[in-house]
Amino acid sequence: MTIDLTRMRQGERGKVVDIQGGWGLLRKMETLGIKQGTEIVKVSSQLMRGPITIRVGNTQVAIGFGMARRIMVEHKK
């Protein structure tokens, strides 16, 4: 099942299958280690569209809600 990152629950894993954005967003995500094929784990999220924290490898990264909505993930429970 493919969903956007905001719909994942805390502790769930997924594989990035698409980033729906322009060149700037793609470049920013790549500098954070987030690109197609990357395995991620959702660590936490804030209420009311706050930032979302994910783990990419051994690194934790916080990204904004709007950016997270553009990251499509193949969901694994």
PDB file of N, CA and C in Angstrom:
ATOM      1  N   MET A   1       0.852  -1.181   0.000  1.00  0.00           N
ATOM      2  CA  MET A   1       0.000   0.000   0.000  1.00  0.00           C
ATOM      3  C   MET A   1       0.896   1.242   0.000  1.00  0.00           C
ATOM      4  N   THR A   2       0.617   2.184  -0.870  1.00  0.00           N
ATOM      5  CA  THR A   2       1.384   3.422  -0.942  1.00  0.00           C
ATOM      6  C   THR A   2       0.572   4.553  -0.321  1.00  0.00           C
ATOM      7  N   ILE A   3       1.188   5.234   0.653  1.00  0.00           N
ATOM      8  CA  ILE A   3       0.544   6.357   1.342  1.00  0.00           C
ATOM      9  C   ILE A   3       1.559   7.476   1.469  1.00  0.00           C
ATOM     10  N   ASP A   4       1.093   8.670   1.852  1.00  0.00           N
ATOM     11  CA  ASP A   4       2.057   9.727   2.108  1.00  0.00           C
ATOM     12  C   ASP A   4       2.568   9.590   3.547  1.00  0.00           C
ATOM     13  N   LEU A   5       3.710  10.174   3.804  1.00  0.00           N
ATOM     14  CA  LEU A   5       4.397  10.024   5.088  1.00  0.00           C
ATOM     15  C   LEU A   5       3.548  10.475   6.275  1.00  0.00           C
ATOM     16  N   THR A   6       2.681  11.449   6.086  1.00  0.00           N
ATOM     17  CA  THR A   6       1.870  11.951   7.199  1.00  0.00           C
ATOM     18  C   THR A   6       0.889  10.909   7.708  1.00  0.00           C
ATOM     19  N   ARG A   7       0.535   9.937   6.886  1.00  0.00           N
ATOM     20  CA  ARG A   7      -0.462   8.935   7.266  1.00  0.00           C
ATOM     21  C   ARG A   7       0.142   7.736   7.989  1.00  0.00           C
ATOM     22  N   MET A   8       1.458   7.641   8.019  1.00  0.00           N
ATOM     23  CA  MET A   8       2.102   6.562   8.763  1.00  0.00           C
ATOM     24  C   MET A   8       1.951   6.820  10.260  1.00  0.00           C
ATOM     25  N   ARG A   9       1.961   5.761  11.034  1.00  0.00           N
ATOM     26  CA  ARG A   9       1.895   5.882  12.487  1.00  0.00           C
ATOM     27  C   ARG A   9       3.300   5.815  13.073  1.00  0.00           C
ATOM     28  N   GLN A  10       3.417   6.281  14.289  1.00  0.00           N
ATOM     29  CA  GLN A  10       4.692   6.262  14.989  1.00  0.00           C
ATOM     30  C   GLN A  10       5.221   4.824  15.067  1.00  0.00           C
ATOM     31  N   GLY A  11       6.494   4.644  14.728  1.00  0.00           N
ATOM     32  CA  GLY A  11       7.137   3.328  14.795  1.00  0.00           C
ATOM     33  C   GLY A  11       7.013   2.492  13.538  1.00  0.00           C
ATOM     34  N   GLU A  12       6.217   2.927  12.566  1.00  0.00           N
ATOM     35  CA  GLU A  12       6.047   2.154  11.339  1.00  0.00           C
ATOM     36  C   GLU A  12       7.192   2.427  10.366  1.00  0.00           C
ATOM     37  N   ARG A  13       7.469   1.420   9.553  1.00  0.00           N
ATOM     38  CA  ARG A  13       8.536   1.494   8.551  1.00  0.00           C
ATOM     39  C   ARG A  13       7.939   1.642   7.157  1.00  0.00           C
ATOM     40  N   GLY A  14       8.748   2.178   6.266  1.00  0.00           N
ATOM     41  CA  GLY A  14       8.321   2.285   4.890  1.00  0.00           C
ATOM     42  C   GLY A  14       9.498   2.516   3.973  1.00  0.00           C
ATOM     43  N   LYS A  15       9.251   2.362   2.689  1.00  0.00           N
ATOM     44  CA  LYS A  15      10.261   2.568   1.661  1.00  0.00           C
ATOM     45  C   LYS A  15       9.774   3.705   0.765  1.00  0.00           C
ATOM     46  N   VAL A  16      10.597   4.713   0.577  1.00  0.00           N
ATOM     47  CA  VAL A  16      10.224   5.863  -0.251  1.00  0.00           C
ATOM     48  C   VAL A  16      10.107   5.402  -1.702  1.00  0.00           C
ATOM     49  N   VAL A  17       8.937   5.641  -2.294  1.00  0.00           N
ATOM     50  CA  VAL A  17       8.722   5.255  -3.691  1.00  0.00           C
ATOM     51  C   VAL A  17       8.625   6.468  -4.618  1.00  0.00           C
ATOM     52  N   ASP A  18       8.305   7.642  -4.065  1.00  0.00           N
ATOM     53  CA  ASP A  18       8.197   8.837  -4.899  1.00  0.00           C
ATOM     54  C   ASP A  18       8.226  10.083  -4.015  1.00  0.00           C
ATOM     55  N   ILE A  19       8.791  11.140  -4.556  1.00  0.00           N
ATOM     56  CA  ILE A  19       8.734  12.452  -3.913  1.00  0.00           C
ATOM     57  C   ILE A  19       8.097  13.389  -4.920  1.00  0.00           C
ATOM     58  N   GLN A  20       6.903  13.868  -4.589  1.00  0.00           N
ATOM     59  CA  GLN A  20       6.119  14.677  -5.514  1.00  0.00           C
ATOM     60  C   GLN A  20       6.427  16.155  -5.314  1.00  0.00           C
ATOM     61  N   GLY A  21       7.438  16.607  -5.999  1.00  0.00           N
ATOM     62  CA  GLY A  21       7.816  18.002  -5.865  1.00  0.00           C
ATOM     63  C   GLY A  21       8.771  18.398  -6.971  1.00  0.00           C
ATOM     64  N   GLY A  22       9.130  19.649  -6.951  1.00  0.00           N
ATOM     65  CA  GLY A  22      10.049  20.177  -7.942  1.00  0.00           C
ATOM     66  C   GLY A  22      11.499  19.884  -7.601  1.00  0.00           C
ATOM     67  N   TRP A  23      12.359  20.420  -8.417  1.00  0.00           N
ATOM     68  CA  TRP A  23      13.794  20.198  -8.286  1.00  0.00           C
ATOM     69  C   TRP A  23      14.310  20.618  -6.907  1.00  0.00           C
ATOM     70  N   GLY A  24      13.831  21.735  -6.390  1.00  0.00           N
ATOM     71  CA  GLY A  24      14.288  22.227  -5.093  1.00  0.00           C
ATOM     72  C   GLY A  24      13.966  21.269  -3.964  1.00  0.00           C
ATOM     73  N   LEU A  25      12.740  20.759  -3.945  1.00  0.00           N
ATOM     74  CA  LEU A  25      12.346  19.810  -2.902  1.00  0.00           C
ATOM     75  C   LEU A  25      13.135  18.513  -3.039  1.00  0.00           C
ATOM     76  N   LEU A  26      13.283  18.023  -4.254  1.00  0.00           N
ATOM     77  CA  LEU A  26      14.035  16.789  -4.470  1.00  0.00           C
ATOM     78  C   LEU A  26      15.471  16.933  -3.985  1.00  0.00           C
ATOM     79  N   ARG A  27      16.076  18.062  -4.267  1.00  0.00           N
ATOM     80  CA  ARG A  27      17.458  18.296  -3.841  1.00  0.00           C
ATOM     81  C   ARG A  27      17.557  18.379  -2.315  1.00  0.00           C
ATOM     82  N   LYS A  28      16.625  19.081  -1.679  1.00  0.00           N
ATOM     83  CA  LYS A  28      16.640  19.200  -0.221  1.00  0.00           C
ATOM     84  C   LYS A  28      16.478  17.839   0.437  1.00  0.00           C
ATOM     85  N   MET A  29      15.536  17.033  -0.065  1.00  0.00           N
ATOM     86  CA  MET A  29      15.323  15.705   0.496  1.00  0.00           C
ATOM     87  C   MET A  29      16.556  14.822   0.317  1.00  0.00           C
ATOM     88  N   GLU A  30      17.199  14.946  -0.839  1.00  0.00           N
ATOM     89  CA  GLU A  30      18.400  14.151  -1.092  1.00  0.00           C
ATOM     90  C   GLU A  30      19.526  14.517  -0.129  1.00  0.00           C
ATOM     91  N   THR A  31      19.658  15.798   0.194  1.00  0.00           N
ATOM     92  CA  THR A  31      20.698  16.203   1.153  1.00  0.00           C
ATOM     93  C   THR A  31      20.417  15.649   2.547  1.00  0.00           C
ATOM     94  N   LEU A  32      19.140  15.361   2.843  1.00  0.00           N
ATOM     95  CA  LEU A  32      18.767  14.767   4.124  1.00  0.00           C
ATOM     96  C   LEU A  32      18.829  13.236   4.084  1.00  0.00           C
ATOM     97  N   GLY A  33      19.164  12.684   2.918  1.00  0.00           N
ATOM     98  CA  GLY A  33      19.263  11.234   2.780  1.00  0.00           C
ATOM     99  C   GLY A  33      17.957  10.568   2.394  1.00  0.00           C
ATOM    100  N   ILE A  34      16.966  11.366   1.980  1.00  0.00           N
ATOM    101  CA  ILE A  34      15.651  10.829   1.626  1.00  0.00           C
ATOM    102  C   ILE A  34      15.524  10.856   0.102  1.00  0.00           C
ATOM    103  N   LYS A  35      15.478   9.666  -0.501  1.00  0.00           N
ATOM    104  CA  LYS A  35      15.303   9.550  -1.949  1.00  0.00           C
ATOM    105  C   LYS A  35      14.617   8.235  -2.243  1.00  0.00           C
ATOM    106  N   GLN A  36      14.249   8.013  -3.474  1.00  0.00           N
ATOM    107  CA  GLN A  36      13.544   6.781  -3.840  1.00  0.00           C
ATOM    108  C   GLN A  36      14.370   5.578  -3.435  1.00  0.00           C
ATOM    109  N   GLY A  37      13.691   4.607  -2.820  1.00  0.00           N
ATOM    110  CA  GLY A  37      14.355   3.390  -2.395  1.00  0.00           C
ATOM    111  C   GLY A  37      14.856   3.414  -0.959  1.00  0.00           C
ATOM    112  N   THR A  38      14.846   4.577  -0.320  1.00  0.00           N
ATOM    113  CA  THR A  38      15.340   4.713   1.046  1.00  0.00           C
ATOM    114  C   THR A  38      14.345   4.133   2.046  1.00  0.00           C
ATOM    115  N   GLU A  39      14.835   3.346   3.001  1.00  0.00           N
ATOM    116  CA  GLU A  39      14.015   2.819   4.087  1.00  0.00           C
ATOM    117  C   GLU A  39      13.962   3.859   5.197  1.00  0.00           C
ATOM    118  N   ILE A  40      12.761   4.151   5.697  1.00  0.00           N
ATOM    119  CA  ILE A  40      12.599   5.129   6.766  1.00  0.00           C
ATOM    120  C   ILE A  40      11.703   4.564   7.866  1.00  0.00           C
ATOM    121  N   VAL A  41      11.820   5.152   9.052  1.00  0.00           N
ATOM    122  CA  VAL A  41      10.959   4.808  10.177  1.00  0.00           C
ATOM    123  C   VAL A  41      10.398   6.117  10.716  1.00  0.00           C
ATOM    124  N   LYS A  42       9.086   6.184  10.902  1.00  0.00           N
ATOM    125  CA  LYS A  42       8.480   7.390  11.476  1.00  0.00           C
ATOM    126  C   LYS A  42       8.663   7.346  12.983  1.00  0.00           C
ATOM    127  N   VAL A  43       9.353   8.340  13.515  1.00  0.00           N
ATOM    128  CA  VAL A  43       9.655   8.396  14.941  1.00  0.00           C
ATOM    129  C   VAL A  43       8.533   9.085  15.696  1.00  0.00           C
ATOM    130  N   SER A  44       8.112  10.265  15.211  1.00  0.00           N
ATOM    131  CA  SER A  44       7.055  11.005  15.891  1.00  0.00           C
ATOM    132  C   SER A  44       6.460  12.058  14.971  1.00  0.00           C
ATOM    133  N   SER A  45       5.325  12.592  15.405  1.00  0.00           N
ATOM    134  CA  SER A  45       4.710  13.717  14.705  1.00  0.00           C
ATOM    135  C   SER A  45       4.004  14.575  15.744  1.00  0.00           C
ATOM    136  N   GLN A  46       3.790  15.826  15.396  1.00  0.00           N
ATOM    137  CA  GLN A  46       3.148  16.771  16.296  1.00  0.00           C
ATOM    138  C   GLN A  46       1.686  16.939  15.897  1.00  0.00           C
ATOM    139  N   LEU A  47       0.892  17.395  16.819  1.00  0.00           N
ATOM    140  CA  LEU A  47      -0.500  17.679  16.519  1.00  0.00           C
ATOM    141  C   LEU A  47      -0.623  18.903  15.621  1.00  0.00           C
ATOM    142  N   MET A  48      -1.725  18.998  14.941  1.00  0.00           N
ATOM    143  CA  MET A  48      -2.049  20.185  14.145  1.00  0.00           C
ATOM    144  C   MET A  48      -1.005  20.504  13.071  1.00  0.00           C
ATOM    145  N   ARG A  49      -0.595  19.490  12.333  1.00  0.00           N
ATOM    146  CA  ARG A  49       0.286  19.676  11.178  1.00  0.00           C
ATOM    147  C   ARG A  49       1.676  20.180  11.531  1.00  0.00           C
ATOM    148  N   GLY A  50       2.175  19.774  12.639  1.00  0.00           N
ATOM    149  CA  GLY A  50       3.529  20.147  13.045  1.00  0.00           C
ATOM    150  C   GLY A  50       4.566  19.293  12.336  1.00  0.00           C
ATOM    151  N   PRO A  51       5.835  19.479  12.673  1.00  0.00           N
ATOM    152  CA  PRO A  51       6.889  18.707  12.020  1.00  0.00           C
ATOM    153  C   PRO A  51       6.800  17.209  12.322  1.00  0.00           C
ATOM    154  N   ILE A  52       7.347  16.430  11.404  1.00  0.00           N
ATOM    155  CA  ILE A  52       7.367  14.976  11.522  1.00  0.00           C
ATOM    156  C   ILE A  52       8.823  14.542  11.600  1.00  0.00           C
ATOM    157  N   THR A  53       9.123  13.686  12.568  1.00  0.00           N
ATOM    158  CA  THR A  53      10.483  13.192  12.741  1.00  0.00           C
ATOM    159  C   THR A  53      10.565  11.778  12.194  1.00  0.00           C
ATOM    160  N   ILE A  54      11.572  11.544  11.355  1.00  0.00           N
ATOM    161  CA  ILE A  54      11.788  10.213  10.797  1.00  0.00           C
ATOM    162  C   ILE A  54      13.239   9.802  11.027  1.00  0.00           C
ATOM    163  N   ARG A  55      13.474   8.499  10.973  1.00  0.00           N
ATOM    164  CA  ARG A  55      14.842   7.992  11.063  1.00  0.00           C
ATOM    165  C   ARG A  55      15.237   7.470   9.695  1.00  0.00           C
ATOM    166  N   VAL A  56      16.363   7.960   9.205  1.00  0.00           N
ATOM    167  CA  VAL A  56      16.931   7.525   7.931  1.00  0.00           C
ATOM    168  C   VAL A  56      18.306   6.963   8.269  1.00  0.00           C
ATOM    169  N   GLY A  57      18.445   5.653   8.216  1.00  0.00           N
ATOM    170  CA  GLY A  57      19.694   5.040   8.656  1.00  0.00           C
ATOM    171  C   GLY A  57      19.860   5.263  10.152  1.00  0.00           C
ATOM    172  N   ASN A  58      20.967   5.874  10.551  1.00  0.00           N
ATOM    173  CA  ASN A  58      21.222   6.168  11.961  1.00  0.00           C
ATOM    174  C   ASN A  58      20.932   7.617  12.322  1.00  0.00           C
ATOM    175  N   THR A  59      20.301   8.352  11.422  1.00  0.00           N
ATOM    176  CA  THR A  59      20.055   9.777  11.603  1.00  0.00           C
ATOM    177  C   THR A  59      18.571  10.060  11.760  1.00  0.00           C
ATOM    178  N   GLN A  60      18.228  10.945  12.690  1.00  0.00           N
ATOM    179  CA  GLN A  60      16.846  11.407  12.814  1.00  0.00           C
ATOM    180  C   GLN A  60      16.734  12.772  12.156  1.00  0.00           C
ATOM    181  N   VAL A  61      15.667  12.946  11.374  1.00  0.00           N
ATOM    182  CA  VAL A  61      15.447  14.167  10.616  1.00  0.00           C
ATOM    183  C   VAL A  61      14.028  14.647  10.879  1.00  0.00           C
ATOM    184  N   ALA A  62      13.861  15.945  11.124  1.00  0.00           N
ATOM    185  CA  ALA A  62      12.525  16.538  11.272  1.00  0.00           C
ATOM    186  C   ALA A  62      12.215  17.321   9.995  1.00  0.00           C
ATOM    187  N   ILE A  63      11.055  17.041   9.414  1.00  0.00           N
ATOM    188  CA  ILE A  63      10.635  17.759   8.211  1.00  0.00           C
ATOM    189  C   ILE A  63       9.232  18.311   8.434  1.00  0.00           C
ATOM    190  N   GLY A  64       8.926  19.362   7.719  1.00  0.00           N
ATOM    191  CA  GLY A  64       7.626  20.003   7.841  1.00  0.00           C
ATOM    192  C   GLY A  64       6.499  19.137   7.291  1.00  0.00           C
ATOM    193  N   PHE A  65       5.294  19.409   7.761  1.00  0.00           N
ATOM    194  CA  PHE A  65       4.111  18.652   7.370  1.00  0.00           C
ATOM    195  C   PHE A  65       3.893  18.710   5.853  1.00  0.00           C
ATOM    196  N   GLY A  66       4.034  19.904   5.280  1.00  0.00           N
ATOM    197  CA  GLY A  66       3.827  20.060   3.836  1.00  0.00           C
ATOM    198  C   GLY A  66       4.789  19.225   3.012  1.00  0.00           C
ATOM    199  N   MET A  67       6.043  19.175   3.445  1.00  0.00           N
ATOM    200  CA  MET A  67       7.031  18.340   2.747  1.00  0.00           C
ATOM    201  C   MET A  67       6.689  16.861   2.918  1.00  0.00           C
ATOM    202  N   ALA A  68       6.299  16.486   4.136  1.00  0.00           N
ATOM    203  CA  ALA A  68       5.983  15.087   4.418  1.00  0.00           C
ATOM    204  C   ALA A  68       4.811  14.600   3.570  1.00  0.00           C
ATOM    205  N   ARG A  69       3.878  15.471   3.263  1.00  0.00           N
ATOM    206  CA  ARG A  69       2.731  15.089   2.428  1.00  0.00           C
ATOM    207  C   ARG A  69       3.151  14.757   1.006  1.00  0.00           C
ATOM    208  N   ARG A  70       4.303  15.226   0.583  1.00  0.00           N
ATOM    209  CA  ARG A  70       4.779  14.987  -0.780  1.00  0.00           C
ATOM    210  C   ARG A  70       5.655  13.739  -0.896  1.00  0.00           C
ATOM    211  N   ILE A  71       5.943  13.097   0.232  1.00  0.00           N
ATOM    212  CA  ILE A  71       6.776  11.893   0.225  1.00  0.00           C
ATOM    213  C   ILE A  71       5.861  10.671   0.262  1.00  0.00           C
ATOM    214  N   MET A  72       5.867   9.917  -0.817  1.00  0.00           N
ATOM    215  CA  MET A  72       5.029   8.725  -0.931  1.00  0.00           C
ATOM    216  C   MET A  72       5.843   7.507  -0.500  1.00  0.00           C
ATOM    217  N   VAL A  73       5.224   6.709   0.366  1.00  0.00           N
ATOM    218  CA  VAL A  73       5.929   5.615   1.011  1.00  0.00           C
ATOM    219  C   VAL A  73       5.176   4.303   0.797  1.00  0.00           C
ATOM    220  N   GLU A  74       5.921   3.250   0.489  1.00  0.00           N
ATOM    221  CA  GLU A  74       5.358   1.911   0.472  1.00  0.00           C
ATOM    222  C   GLU A  74       5.343   1.450   1.921  1.00  0.00           C
ATOM    223  N   HIS A  75       4.174   1.371   2.474  1.00  0.00           N
ATOM    224  CA  HIS A  75       3.946   1.172   3.900  1.00  0.00           C
ATOM    225  C   HIS A  75       4.221  -0.265   4.332  1.00  0.00           C
ATOM    226  N   LYS A  76       4.985  -0.417   5.427  1.00  0.00           N
ATOM    227  CA  LYS A  76       5.227  -1.728   6.040  1.00  0.00           C
ATOM    228  C   LYS A  76       4.907  -1.599   7.511  1.00  0.00           C
ATOM    229  N   LYS A  77       4.130  -2.512   8.056  1.00  0.00           N
ATOM    230  CA  LYS A  77       3.780  -2.439   9.481  1.00  0.00           C
ATOM    231  C   LYS A  77       4.845  -3.054  10.342  1.00  0.00           C
TER     232      LYS A  77
END
